[in-house]
Protein backbone atom coordinates (compact mmCIF):
# COMPACT_ATOMS: atom_id res chain seq x y z
CA MET A 1 -36.70 13.84 42.32
CA ASN A 2 -33.15 13.42 41.11
CA ALA A 3 -33.40 12.82 37.36
CA PHE A 4 -29.76 11.77 37.07
CA THR A 5 -28.73 8.14 36.81
CA THR A 6 -25.30 7.30 38.20
CA LEU A 7 -23.04 5.37 35.84
CA ASP A 8 -20.04 3.33 36.84
CA SER A 9 -17.42 1.58 34.73
CA ARG A 10 -19.79 -1.35 34.16
CA THR A 11 -22.40 0.83 32.44
CA THR A 12 -22.90 -0.16 28.80
CA LEU A 13 -23.89 1.90 25.77
CA ASN A 14 -25.25 0.91 22.38
CA ASN A 15 -22.82 1.13 19.45
CA THR A 16 -24.48 0.06 16.22
CA LEU A 17 -21.63 0.23 13.75
CA SER A 18 -19.49 -2.28 15.62
CA ASN A 19 -22.11 -5.05 15.35
CA ARG A 20 -21.94 -5.51 19.09
CA ASP A 21 -24.82 -4.68 21.35
CA VAL A 22 -22.98 -2.79 24.07
CA ARG A 23 -19.84 -0.84 24.84
CA SER A 24 -18.46 0.04 28.22
CA LEU A 25 -18.16 3.68 29.11
CA ALA A 26 -14.40 3.29 29.56
CA ASN A 27 -14.00 2.03 25.97
CA LEU A 28 -16.26 4.61 24.42
CA GLY A 29 -13.51 6.80 23.01
CA GLU A 30 -11.95 3.91 21.09
CA THR A 31 -15.04 2.29 19.59
CA ALA A 32 -17.73 4.97 19.34
CA SER A 33 -19.32 5.60 15.95
CA THR A 34 -19.49 9.13 14.63
CA SER A 35 -23.25 9.04 14.09
CA ARG A 36 -24.12 7.74 17.56
CA VAL A 37 -21.69 9.49 19.91
CA LEU A 38 -20.46 13.07 20.26
CA ASN A 39 -17.60 12.74 22.73
CA LEU A 40 -16.87 16.22 24.05
CA SER A 41 -14.86 14.66 26.87
CA ALA A 42 -12.31 13.45 24.31
CA VAL A 43 -12.37 16.84 22.57
CA HIS A 44 -11.49 18.49 25.91
CA VAL A 45 -8.57 16.13 26.47
CA ASN A 46 -7.20 16.62 22.94
CA SER A 47 -8.06 20.24 22.12
CA ALA A 48 -8.58 22.28 25.31
CA HIS A 49 -5.43 24.29 24.54
CA GLU A 50 -6.67 25.36 21.08
CA LYS A 51 -7.97 28.89 20.58
CA ASP A 52 -10.96 27.60 18.61
CA TYR A 53 -11.96 25.43 21.59
CA GLN A 54 -11.87 28.37 23.95
CA LEU A 55 -13.44 31.04 21.72
CA ARG A 56 -16.21 28.94 20.15
CA PRO A 57 -17.28 26.37 22.76
CA PHE A 58 -19.93 23.78 22.02
CA PHE A 59 -21.57 24.49 25.39
CA ARG A 60 -20.96 27.54 27.56
CA ASP A 61 -21.06 25.52 30.79
CA SER A 62 -17.58 24.07 31.33
CA GLN A 63 -18.82 20.72 32.65
CA MET A 64 -21.44 20.31 29.94
CA ASN A 65 -18.65 21.07 27.46
CA LYS A 66 -17.01 17.81 28.61
CA ALA A 67 -20.17 15.73 28.26
CA ILE A 68 -20.64 12.63 26.12
CA LEU A 69 -23.80 12.76 24.02
CA VAL A 70 -25.22 9.47 22.80
CA LYS A 71 -28.11 8.71 20.46
CA HIS A 72 -29.57 6.01 22.66
CA THR A 73 -32.10 3.29 21.76
CA LEU A 74 -34.60 3.31 24.59
CA ARG A 75 -35.26 0.18 26.61
CA ALA A 76 -38.88 -0.67 27.40
CA ASN A 77 -38.70 0.77 30.92
CA GLU A 78 -37.10 3.99 29.63
CA ARG A 79 -39.95 4.76 27.22
CA GLU A 80 -42.14 5.50 30.24
CA LEU A 81 -39.93 8.52 30.92
CA PHE A 82 -41.41 10.41 27.96
CA GLY A 83 -44.80 12.01 27.42
CA ARG A 84 -44.98 10.73 23.84
CA TYR A 85 -43.89 7.47 22.31
CA ARG A 86 -40.35 7.35 20.94
CA ARG A 87 -37.67 4.71 20.33
CA THR A 88 -34.52 6.80 20.59
CA ALA A 89 -33.42 9.68 22.76
CA THR A 90 -30.34 11.81 23.33
CA LYS A 91 -28.45 10.71 26.44
CA ILE A 92 -26.21 13.20 28.24
CA ILE A 93 -23.36 11.62 30.19
CA LEU A 94 -21.36 13.89 32.48
CA PRO A 95 -18.15 12.05 33.39
CA PHE A 96 -16.81 12.41 36.90
CA ASP A 97 -13.36 12.89 35.31
CA ALA A 98 -12.98 13.67 31.60
CA THR A 99 -9.46 12.20 31.63
CA ASP A 100 -10.52 8.86 33.16
CA LEU A 101 -13.88 7.51 32.01
CA LYS A 102 -13.37 4.39 34.13
CA LEU A 103 -14.53 6.50 37.06
CA GLY A 104 -17.98 6.69 35.49
CA GLY A 105 -20.38 9.61 35.52
CA ARG A 106 -24.03 10.69 35.63
CA SER A 107 -26.59 10.59 32.86
CA ILE A 108 -29.97 11.99 31.88
CA LEU A 109 -32.05 11.80 28.70
CA VAL A 110 -32.96 15.05 26.98
CA ASN A 111 -36.68 15.86 27.42
CA GLN A 112 -37.36 12.93 29.73
CA VAL A 113 -39.60 13.37 32.78
CA GLY A 114 -37.63 15.59 35.16
CA PHE A 115 -35.40 17.10 32.46
CA ASP A 116 -36.73 20.64 32.94
CA ALA A 117 -36.24 20.35 36.72
CA PHE A 118 -32.68 19.17 36.15
CA CYS A 119 -32.01 22.11 33.82
CA ARG A 120 -33.38 24.64 36.30
CA GLY A 121 -31.20 23.21 39.04
CA TYR A 122 -28.14 22.96 36.82
CA PHE A 123 -28.35 26.09 34.65
CA GLY A 124 -30.68 28.40 36.59
CA ASP A 125 -34.36 29.27 36.49
CA ASP A 126 -34.76 30.76 32.99
CA ILE A 127 -34.05 27.61 30.99
CA ASN A 128 -35.93 28.82 27.90
CA ALA A 129 -33.34 31.56 27.45
CA ASN A 130 -30.35 29.34 28.22
CA THR A 131 -28.31 28.66 25.07
CA ASP A 132 -26.97 25.31 26.36
CA VAL A 133 -30.51 24.04 26.96
CA GLN A 134 -31.50 25.24 23.50
CA THR A 135 -28.53 23.38 22.00
CA LEU A 136 -29.48 20.17 23.80
CA ARG A 137 -33.05 20.40 22.50
CA LEU A 138 -31.78 21.07 18.96
CA LEU A 139 -29.56 17.98 19.13
CA ASP A 140 -32.51 15.92 20.32
CA GLN A 141 -34.36 16.82 17.10
CA LEU A 142 -31.71 15.04 15.02
CA PRO A 143 -31.63 11.33 14.13
CA SER A 144 -27.85 11.24 14.62
CA VAL A 145 -24.97 13.35 15.91
CA ASP A 146 -22.68 13.09 12.92
CA PRO A 147 -20.63 16.33 12.88
CA PHE A 148 -21.80 17.50 9.47
CA LEU A 149 -25.50 17.26 10.28
CA VAL A 150 -24.90 18.81 13.72
CA ARG A 151 -22.92 21.73 12.29
CA GLU A 152 -25.54 22.53 9.66
CA HIS A 153 -28.48 22.21 12.08
CA LEU A 154 -26.89 24.35 14.80
CA SER A 155 -25.69 26.91 12.24
CA ARG A 156 -29.26 27.39 11.04
CA HIS A 157 -30.09 28.42 14.60
CA GLY A 158 -27.16 30.80 14.98
CA HIS A 159 -24.74 28.52 16.88
CA LYS A 160 -21.35 27.74 15.30
CA PRO A 161 -19.05 25.70 17.57
CA GLY A 162 -15.34 25.48 16.76
CA ALA A 163 -14.19 22.93 14.19
CA CYS A 164 -12.35 20.96 16.89
CA TYR A 165 -15.71 19.82 18.29
CA LEU A 166 -17.00 18.41 15.03
CA LYS A 167 -14.77 15.60 13.79
CA ILE A 168 -15.13 12.06 12.55
CA SER A 169 -14.35 9.65 15.38
CA PRO A 170 -10.98 7.84 15.34
CA TYR A 171 -12.91 4.58 15.14
CA ASP A 172 -14.66 5.59 11.91
CA ILE A 173 -11.50 7.16 10.45
CA GLN A 174 -9.80 3.78 10.67
CA ARG A 175 -12.75 2.16 8.92
CA MET A 176 -12.91 4.88 6.26
CA ILE A 177 -9.23 5.19 5.41
CA GLY A 178 -9.22 2.60 2.61
CA PHE A 179 -12.26 4.12 0.94
CA ALA A 180 -10.96 7.67 1.35
CA ASN A 181 -7.57 6.71 -0.07
CA GLU A 182 -9.15 5.38 -3.26
CA GLU A 183 -11.44 8.39 -3.49
CA ILE A 184 -8.74 11.05 -3.30
CA GLU A 185 -5.89 9.28 -5.09
CA ARG A 186 -6.88 10.69 -8.50
CA LEU A 187 -7.14 14.19 -7.07
CA VAL A 188 -3.79 13.83 -5.34
CA ARG A 189 -2.22 12.96 -8.70
CA THR A 190 -3.83 16.05 -10.24
CA ALA A 191 -2.78 18.39 -7.43
CA PHE A 192 0.66 17.02 -6.59
CA SER A 193 1.83 15.79 -10.01
CA GLY A 194 4.12 12.88 -10.70
CA SER A 195 4.66 9.87 -8.48
CA ILE A 196 2.88 9.96 -5.11
CA GLY A 197 3.88 6.62 -3.60
CA GLY A 198 2.12 6.34 -0.23
CA SER A 199 1.12 10.00 -0.16
CA ALA A 200 -2.54 9.32 -0.92
CA ILE A 201 -3.04 7.29 2.24
CA LYS A 202 -1.13 9.84 4.30
CA LEU A 203 -3.09 12.76 2.88
CA ALA A 204 -6.39 10.91 3.24
CA GLY A 205 -5.65 10.53 6.93
CA LYS A 206 -4.87 14.23 7.24
CA ILE A 207 -8.04 15.25 5.44
CA LEU A 208 -10.23 12.96 7.54
CA ALA A 209 -8.57 14.08 10.80
CA ASN A 210 -8.58 17.82 9.90
CA GLU A 211 -4.79 18.16 9.96
CA LEU A 212 -4.39 21.08 7.56
CA ASP A 213 -0.61 21.41 7.52
CA SER A 214 1.83 22.41 4.80
CA GLU A 215 1.61 19.02 3.05
CA LEU A 216 -1.85 20.01 1.82
CA TRP A 217 -0.76 23.38 0.39
CA PRO A 218 -0.45 22.09 -3.20
CA LEU A 219 -4.10 21.05 -2.96
CA LYS A 220 -5.05 24.53 -1.72
CA ALA A 221 -3.20 26.02 -4.70
CA THR A 222 -4.94 23.67 -7.13
CA LEU A 223 -8.34 24.66 -5.76
CA ARG A 224 -7.33 28.35 -5.70
CA MET A 225 -8.58 28.88 -2.17
CA ALA A 226 -7.61 31.30 0.58
CA ASP A 227 -6.78 29.87 4.00
CA ASP A 228 -10.28 30.27 5.45
CA GLU A 229 -11.89 28.93 2.30
CA PHE A 230 -9.57 25.94 2.31
CA SER A 231 -10.41 25.08 5.91
CA ASP A 232 -14.14 25.25 5.15
CA GLY A 233 -13.65 23.40 1.88
CA ILE A 234 -11.80 20.50 3.49
CA PHE A 235 -14.52 20.23 6.14
CA SER A 236 -17.05 20.05 3.33
CA TRP A 237 -15.04 17.43 1.43
CA ARG A 238 -14.63 15.39 4.60
CA GLY A 239 -18.40 15.51 5.02
CA PHE A 240 -19.09 14.19 1.55
CA LEU A 241 -16.47 11.47 1.93
CA TYR A 242 -18.17 10.43 5.16
CA PHE A 243 -21.67 10.44 3.68
CA LYS A 244 -20.54 8.59 0.55
CA TRP A 245 -18.83 5.94 2.70
CA ARG A 246 -21.95 5.56 4.87
CA HIS A 247 -24.12 5.33 1.75
CA ILE A 248 -22.03 2.42 0.49
CA GLU A 249 -22.21 0.67 3.86
CA LEU A 250 -25.94 1.34 4.18
CA GLN A 251 -26.71 -0.39 0.91
CA ASP A 252 -25.50 -3.67 2.40
CA GLU A 253 -27.17 -2.97 5.75
CA MET A 254 -30.51 -2.12 4.16
CA ARG A 255 -30.31 -5.18 1.91
CA LYS A 256 -30.45 -7.28 5.10
CA VAL A 257 -33.47 -5.30 6.27
CA LEU A 258 -35.24 -5.84 2.94
CA GLU A 259 -34.52 -9.57 3.08
CA GLY A 260 -35.80 -9.65 6.65
CA LEU A 261 -39.02 -7.85 5.75
CA SER A 262 -39.91 -10.66 3.36
CA THR A 263 -38.93 -13.51 5.70
CA TYR A 264 -39.37 -12.43 9.34
CA GLN A 265 -42.24 -14.25 11.04
CA PRO A 266 -43.59 -12.93 14.34
CA ILE A 267 -44.95 -15.44 16.83
CA GLY A 268 -48.28 -15.58 18.62
CA ALA A 269 -51.95 -14.81 17.99
CA CYS A 270 -52.79 -12.12 15.45
CA ASP A 271 -56.06 -10.19 14.96
CA ASP A 272 -57.38 -9.41 11.50
CA GLY A 273 -56.42 -5.72 11.63
CA THR A 274 -52.79 -6.44 12.51
CA ARG A 275 -52.61 -9.22 9.91
CA ASP A 276 -53.90 -6.90 7.19
CA TYR A 277 -51.51 -4.12 8.23
CA LEU A 278 -48.47 -6.42 8.15
CA LYS A 279 -49.46 -7.67 4.71
CA GLU A 280 -49.77 -4.13 3.37
CA VAL A 281 -46.86 -2.43 5.14
CA ARG A 282 -44.03 -4.79 4.20
CA PRO A 283 -43.92 -4.01 0.45
CA ARG A 284 -44.73 -0.35 1.09
CA LEU A 285 -41.90 -0.03 3.62
CA ALA A 286 -39.51 -1.87 1.31
CA SER A 287 -40.33 0.61 -1.46
CA ARG A 288 -39.70 3.57 0.84
CA ILE A 289 -36.35 2.15 1.93
CA VAL A 290 -35.27 1.71 -1.70
CA ASN A 291 -36.43 5.26 -2.52
CA ALA A 292 -34.59 6.72 0.48
CA VAL A 293 -31.31 5.00 -0.39
CA ALA A 294 -31.66 6.09 -4.02
CA SER A 295 -32.42 9.67 -2.94
CA VAL A 296 -29.17 9.82 -0.96
CA GLY A 297 -27.33 8.49 -4.01
CA ARG A 298 -28.80 11.20 -6.25
CA THR A 299 -27.72 13.92 -3.83
CA LEU A 300 -24.20 12.49 -3.68
CA ASN A 301 -24.06 12.49 -7.50
CA VAL A 302 -23.80 16.29 -7.30
CA TYR A 303 -20.46 15.78 -5.55
CA ASP A 304 -19.36 13.12 -8.03
CA ARG A 305 -19.98 15.41 -11.02
CA ALA A 306 -17.97 18.27 -9.50
CA TYR A 307 -15.16 15.88 -8.57
CA HIS A 308 -15.13 14.42 -12.09
CA ALA A 309 -14.76 17.90 -13.62
CA LEU A 310 -11.62 18.50 -11.56
CA VAL A 311 -9.95 15.12 -11.97
CA HIS A 312 -10.76 14.42 -15.61
CA GLY A 313 -11.28 17.94 -16.94
CA GLU A 314 -8.58 19.52 -14.75
CA ASN A 315 -11.06 22.31 -14.09
CA PRO A 316 -11.02 23.21 -10.38
CA GLY A 317 -13.84 25.74 -10.62
CA PRO A 318 -16.88 23.44 -10.21
CA PHE A 319 -15.26 21.45 -7.37
CA ARG A 320 -14.15 24.61 -5.60
CA ARG A 321 -17.65 26.08 -5.79
CA PHE A 322 -19.14 22.78 -4.69
CA LEU A 323 -16.92 22.54 -1.60
CA LEU A 324 -17.94 26.03 -0.51
CA ASP A 325 -21.66 25.57 -1.23
CA GLY A 326 -21.92 21.84 -0.50
CA PRO A 327 -22.70 22.04 3.25
CA SER A 328 -26.20 23.24 2.32
CA LEU A 329 -26.82 19.56 1.47
CA PHE A 330 -25.56 18.27 4.82
CA PHE A 331 -28.91 18.49 6.59
CA GLU A 332 -30.72 16.50 3.90
CA LEU A 333 -27.95 13.90 3.70
CA GLY A 334 -27.41 13.64 7.44
CA GLU A 335 -31.10 13.31 8.23
CA SER A 336 -31.67 10.64 5.58
CA ILE A 337 -28.58 8.62 6.47
CA GLY A 338 -29.32 8.98 10.19
CA ILE A 339 -32.84 7.58 9.78
CA LEU A 340 -31.67 4.72 7.57
CA SER A 341 -28.90 3.93 10.04
CA HIS A 342 -31.43 3.82 12.87
CA ILE A 343 -33.58 1.34 10.93
CA ALA A 344 -30.59 -0.85 10.05
CA SER A 345 -29.18 -0.89 13.57
CA PHE A 346 -32.52 -1.47 15.30
CA TRP A 347 -33.36 -4.27 12.86
CA SER A 348 -30.02 -5.95 13.56
CA TYR A 349 -30.48 -5.47 17.31
CA ARG A 350 -34.10 -6.61 17.62
CA MET A 351 -34.88 -8.78 14.60
CA GLY A 352 -31.43 -10.06 13.67
CA GLN A 353 -30.21 -13.64 13.77
CA SER A 354 -29.10 -13.41 17.40
CA MET A 355 -32.67 -12.56 18.50
CA MET A 356 -34.49 -15.29 16.56
CA THR A 357 -35.15 -17.16 19.80
CA GLN A 358 -36.97 -14.08 21.15
CA ARG A 359 -39.28 -13.33 18.26
CA LEU A 360 -41.73 -10.44 18.39
CA THR A 361 -45.49 -10.78 18.59
CA PRO A 362 -47.43 -9.57 15.52
CA PHE A 363 -48.51 -6.45 17.43
CA GLU A 364 -44.91 -5.65 18.50
CA TYR A 365 -43.65 -6.24 14.97
CA GLY A 366 -46.33 -4.02 13.46
CA ASP A 367 -45.53 -1.29 15.98
CA ILE A 368 -41.87 -1.28 14.95
CA LEU A 369 -42.67 -1.24 11.23
CA MET A 370 -45.06 1.66 11.82
CA ASP A 371 -42.22 3.55 13.51
CA PHE A 372 -39.90 2.82 10.56
CA GLU A 373 -42.51 3.96 8.06
CA GLU A 374 -43.22 7.18 9.93
CA SER A 375 -39.49 7.96 10.16
CA LEU A 376 -38.96 7.34 6.45
CA SER A 377 -41.83 9.55 5.35
CA VAL A 378 -39.65 12.67 5.65
CA VAL A 379 -36.99 11.30 3.28
CA SER A 380 -38.98 9.25 0.77
CA LEU A 381 -42.30 11.07 0.36
CA ASP A 382 -41.06 13.33 -2.44
CA ASP A 383 -39.78 10.33 -4.40
CA GLU A 384 -43.11 8.54 -4.08
CA GLU A 385 -45.03 11.61 -5.20
CA GLY A 386 -42.71 12.06 -8.15
CA ALA A 387 -43.17 8.44 -9.18
CA GLY A 388 -46.97 8.66 -9.04
């Protein structure tokens, strides 16, 4: 059996952060969200000449190193491809031409029926020892593919791809730039002294896009960092800017979910067991969502305190140490934000206003809420225990 699905230019992909249900493969590079898509095809086009790209590849196989990886919400017919129930999977898209996505490509879902057979045919017989297969399985464990979560998770398993592979997407950079400008303006004044004019916006763009040129040297001097430390520190800062921005956005997104939990009415007959479960789970799920959002906020407060010491106390020590040690928090932050993002996007997709004419049955609704509750248990259980 050929496990691959052929994609042409009409193939569509989910993109939650754009509030549209689908995106064409050809437009993926322009509109893909950081948390949903890891576009190695674009990295190849933009960075193949860089030493970091060549010496520290994401995948060893040259074609896999041009793949597009998508956190994909499974359609009903796709769930049958897995031995256990799941709502999302990691889709691998291998473009026919990395420089022209309009030509389409082939796709397969990690760990679907036939995935091992595909890997044996593609990589060779000993797939358990193949590092690319191991990397694919590690990515499938994650709720998102944001670069900071991916870097921390892979690093824990001994794999450290080059920095060129792990960047915020251009789409999200454009959406973040206003927030990032406000966030770093005070630090820019501290590091660069005097009037900065439009420098904050310019430097925010450089920090988000990982352009560490001479214009950032005064910041390196302020933080008293060597070149390697500064590169790692800016990656760390970029991560916390990204997570803080997503946390702000998620508060509005989760507010809509909380409102929906109290108002959404499934349609159709309902047995006593399902009715009792829906009555009990709604307030419990709402509490876990609030706890999870608050937990992310508490973790981000560690960053805020270090930043405050630098900007208001003009003491670079705590912020410098935080930037170097901060990535240890990326897994916790990335996992929590990834799970909350999944809940927000799936709610908007399946229970949002546009789907009110296709309401769920009580059993279908309960099944989705059970999935949400199970996902949230890993990020909100500690808070619930502490409150008890």
